[in-house]
Amino acid sequence: MKGFVLNPNKEIVAKITEGIYRKEGHCPCRINKDDTTLCPCDDFVQNHNCVCQLYVKQEESEN
């Protein structure tokens, strides 16, 4: 998504991707597993809100 990048913190990315793998592609921050929670989840796609911080705004990652 334009304006967002993968979190530059490699530890966070590793933990979140491990959670995504364990939840079979679903956001680890969400309780339910349905089409709306597949990563990137609908909340991120529609509202630009990545709760787990896998994706951050580009300008935040440059600081």
N, C-alpha and C. Protein backbone atom coordinates (compact mmCIF):
# COMPACT_ATOMS: atom_id res chain seq x y z
N MET A 1 0.85 -1.17 0.00
CA MET A 1 0.00 0.00 0.00
C MET A 1 0.90 1.23 0.00
N LYS A 2 0.56 2.16 -0.83
CA LYS A 2 1.36 3.37 -0.98
C LYS A 2 1.41 4.14 0.34
N GLY A 3 2.59 4.59 0.71
CA GLY A 3 2.77 5.36 1.94
C GLY A 3 3.10 4.51 3.15
N PHE A 4 3.10 3.19 2.99
CA PHE A 4 3.41 2.27 4.09
C PHE A 4 4.58 1.37 3.69
N VAL A 5 5.36 0.99 4.67
CA VAL A 5 6.48 0.08 4.46
C VAL A 5 6.44 -0.99 5.54
N LEU A 6 7.16 -2.05 5.29
CA LEU A 6 7.33 -3.09 6.30
C LEU A 6 8.10 -2.46 7.47
N ASN A 7 7.69 -2.78 8.66
CA ASN A 7 8.34 -2.23 9.85
C ASN A 7 9.84 -2.49 9.78
N PRO A 8 10.67 -1.47 9.98
CA PRO A 8 12.12 -1.67 9.92
C PRO A 8 12.68 -2.47 11.11
N ASN A 9 11.87 -2.66 12.17
CA ASN A 9 12.30 -3.42 13.33
C ASN A 9 12.18 -4.91 13.00
N LYS A 10 13.30 -5.55 12.77
CA LYS A 10 13.31 -6.95 12.33
C LYS A 10 12.74 -7.90 13.38
N GLU A 11 12.87 -7.58 14.65
CA GLU A 11 12.31 -8.44 15.70
C GLU A 11 10.78 -8.44 15.65
N ILE A 12 10.21 -7.26 15.47
CA ILE A 12 8.74 -7.16 15.37
C ILE A 12 8.26 -7.92 14.15
N VAL A 13 8.92 -7.71 13.02
CA VAL A 13 8.53 -8.39 11.78
C VAL A 13 8.61 -9.90 11.95
N ALA A 14 9.66 -10.39 12.59
CA ALA A 14 9.81 -11.84 12.79
C ALA A 14 8.68 -12.39 13.65
N LYS A 15 8.33 -11.70 14.74
CA LYS A 15 7.26 -12.17 15.63
C LYS A 15 5.91 -12.15 14.92
N ILE A 16 5.64 -11.08 14.19
CA ILE A 16 4.35 -10.97 13.51
C ILE A 16 4.25 -11.99 12.38
N THR A 17 5.29 -12.16 11.59
CA THR A 17 5.22 -13.14 10.51
C THR A 17 5.10 -14.56 11.05
N GLU A 18 5.71 -14.84 12.18
CA GLU A 18 5.54 -16.15 12.83
C GLU A 18 4.08 -16.35 13.23
N GLY A 19 3.46 -15.29 13.78
CA GLY A 19 2.05 -15.36 14.16
C GLY A 19 1.15 -15.54 12.95
N ILE A 20 1.47 -14.87 11.86
CA ILE A 20 0.69 -15.02 10.62
C ILE A 20 0.80 -16.45 10.11
N TYR A 21 1.97 -17.01 10.18
CA TYR A 21 2.17 -18.40 9.75
C TYR A 21 1.34 -19.36 10.61
N ARG A 22 1.38 -19.16 11.93
CA ARG A 22 0.63 -20.04 12.84
C ARG A 22 -0.87 -19.91 12.64
N LYS A 23 -1.33 -18.71 12.24
CA LYS A 23 -2.77 -18.51 12.02
C LYS A 23 -3.15 -18.68 10.55
N GLU A 24 -2.29 -19.36 9.81
CA GLU A 24 -2.57 -19.72 8.42
C GLU A 24 -2.87 -18.50 7.55
N GLY A 25 -2.09 -17.44 7.71
CA GLY A 25 -2.22 -16.25 6.87
C GLY A 25 -3.09 -15.15 7.44
N HIS A 26 -3.67 -15.39 8.60
CA HIS A 26 -4.54 -14.39 9.22
C HIS A 26 -3.75 -13.51 10.18
N CYS A 27 -4.22 -12.30 10.36
CA CYS A 27 -3.58 -11.35 11.26
C CYS A 27 -3.53 -11.93 12.68
N PRO A 28 -2.36 -11.95 13.30
CA PRO A 28 -2.25 -12.50 14.65
C PRO A 28 -2.91 -11.63 15.71
N CYS A 29 -3.24 -10.40 15.37
CA CYS A 29 -3.88 -9.48 16.32
C CYS A 29 -5.40 -9.66 16.37
N ARG A 30 -5.93 -10.46 15.48
CA ARG A 30 -7.39 -10.65 15.41
C ARG A 30 -7.76 -12.01 16.00
N ILE A 31 -8.87 -12.04 16.70
CA ILE A 31 -9.33 -13.29 17.32
C ILE A 31 -9.92 -14.22 16.27
N ASN A 32 -10.79 -13.67 15.43
CA ASN A 32 -11.46 -14.51 14.44
C ASN A 32 -10.57 -14.74 13.22
N LYS A 33 -10.88 -15.80 12.50
CA LYS A 33 -10.18 -16.13 11.26
C LYS A 33 -11.23 -16.21 10.16
N ASP A 34 -11.31 -15.15 9.36
CA ASP A 34 -12.22 -15.14 8.22
C ASP A 34 -11.57 -14.30 7.11
N ASP A 35 -12.32 -14.07 6.04
CA ASP A 35 -11.77 -13.33 4.90
C ASP A 35 -11.30 -11.92 5.26
N THR A 36 -11.88 -11.33 6.30
CA THR A 36 -11.52 -9.95 6.66
C THR A 36 -10.22 -9.88 7.45
N THR A 37 -9.73 -11.01 7.93
CA THR A 37 -8.52 -11.00 8.76
C THR A 37 -7.29 -11.57 8.05
N LEU A 38 -7.43 -11.91 6.77
CA LEU A 38 -6.26 -12.35 6.02
C LEU A 38 -5.31 -11.17 5.88
N CYS A 39 -4.04 -11.40 6.12
CA CYS A 39 -3.04 -10.33 6.09
C CYS A 39 -2.71 -9.96 4.65
N PRO A 40 -2.75 -8.70 4.30
CA PRO A 40 -3.12 -7.57 5.13
C PRO A 40 -4.63 -7.54 5.35
N CYS A 41 -5.01 -7.34 6.59
CA CYS A 41 -6.43 -7.40 6.97
C CYS A 41 -7.23 -6.23 6.38
N ASP A 42 -8.53 -6.38 6.36
CA ASP A 42 -9.41 -5.35 5.82
C ASP A 42 -9.26 -4.03 6.56
N ASP A 43 -9.04 -4.06 7.87
CA ASP A 43 -8.88 -2.82 8.63
C ASP A 43 -7.69 -2.02 8.10
N PHE A 44 -6.61 -2.71 7.79
CA PHE A 44 -5.44 -2.02 7.24
C PHE A 44 -5.72 -1.51 5.83
N VAL A 45 -6.30 -2.35 4.99
CA VAL A 45 -6.55 -1.99 3.60
C VAL A 45 -7.53 -0.81 3.52
N GLN A 46 -8.58 -0.84 4.33
CA GLN A 46 -9.62 0.19 4.25
C GLN A 46 -9.32 1.42 5.09
N ASN A 47 -8.73 1.23 6.28
CA ASN A 47 -8.56 2.34 7.23
C ASN A 47 -7.10 2.69 7.50
N HIS A 48 -6.19 1.99 6.86
CA HIS A 48 -4.74 2.22 7.05
C HIS A 48 -4.36 2.07 8.52
N ASN A 49 -4.92 1.05 9.16
CA ASN A 49 -4.68 0.81 10.58
C ASN A 49 -4.10 -0.59 10.76
N CYS A 50 -2.79 -0.68 10.92
CA CYS A 50 -2.13 -1.97 11.14
C CYS A 50 -1.87 -2.10 12.64
N VAL A 51 -2.77 -2.80 13.31
CA VAL A 51 -2.71 -2.94 14.77
C VAL A 51 -1.43 -3.62 15.22
N CYS A 52 -0.99 -4.62 14.50
CA CYS A 52 0.18 -5.39 14.92
C CYS A 52 1.50 -4.69 14.57
N GLN A 53 1.43 -3.61 13.81
CA GLN A 53 2.61 -2.82 13.43
C GLN A 53 3.55 -3.54 12.45
N LEU A 54 3.01 -4.48 11.68
CA LEU A 54 3.81 -5.09 10.62
C LEU A 54 4.11 -4.04 9.56
N TYR A 55 3.12 -3.21 9.27
CA TYR A 55 3.27 -2.11 8.32
C TYR A 55 3.20 -0.80 9.07
N VAL A 56 4.09 0.12 8.75
CA VAL A 56 4.11 1.44 9.37
C VAL A 56 4.13 2.49 8.28
N LYS A 57 3.71 3.70 8.62
CA LYS A 57 3.77 4.79 7.65
C LYS A 57 5.21 5.02 7.27
N GLN A 58 5.41 5.33 6.03
CA GLN A 58 6.78 5.47 5.52
C GLN A 58 7.56 6.51 6.29
N GLU A 59 6.98 7.65 6.59
CA GLU A 59 7.72 8.70 7.30
C GLU A 59 8.08 8.29 8.73
N GLU A 60 7.27 7.44 9.38
CA GLU A 60 7.58 6.95 10.73
C GLU A 60 8.80 6.04 10.70
N SER A 61 8.96 5.30 9.63
CA SER A 61 10.08 4.35 9.56
C SER A 61 11.39 5.07 9.28
N GLU A 62 11.32 6.30 8.80
CA GLU A 62 12.53 7.05 8.47
C GLU A 62 13.09 7.79 9.67
N ASN A 63 12.33 7.90 10.75
CA ASN A 63 12.79 8.63 11.94
C ASN A 63 13.73 7.80 12.77
